Amino acid sequence: MTPAEALRSLVLATPDGCVLALIVSPRAGKTAVAGVAEEGLRLRVAAPPVEGAANAAVLRFLADVFDVPTSRVRLIGGERGRRKRVAIAGLSADDAVARLAPLLPD
């Protein structure tokens, strides 16, 4: 299975958009997509995991990637852990995969 195919299994369609499963690594050198794992899209964020800074950085990064306002991107699970679920309103699962696939490392 290619990383793009694996990515497809991590993005779930919902009636109002999609939900993305993530594994977040805070305090990275820069914020970027780091790859695909069986349990989620690996995302590195530069922000530390202090007072919600890493969560806010994740939401801003995804809003930029998907070209949607940050108000349409919300954390729905994993607020205090590395494994997170993020809902993106108004974005289909197919569109989410299409925007994330080019960001995957080779």
Foldseek 3Di string as FASTA:
>chain_A
DDQLVLQLVQWAFDPFAIKGKEQEAELDPAWAFETADNRGTYIYHNHDLPPQRRVVRVLVVLCVLLVHDSVQKDWDDDSPHRITMIGGGPHYSVSSSVSCVVRHDD
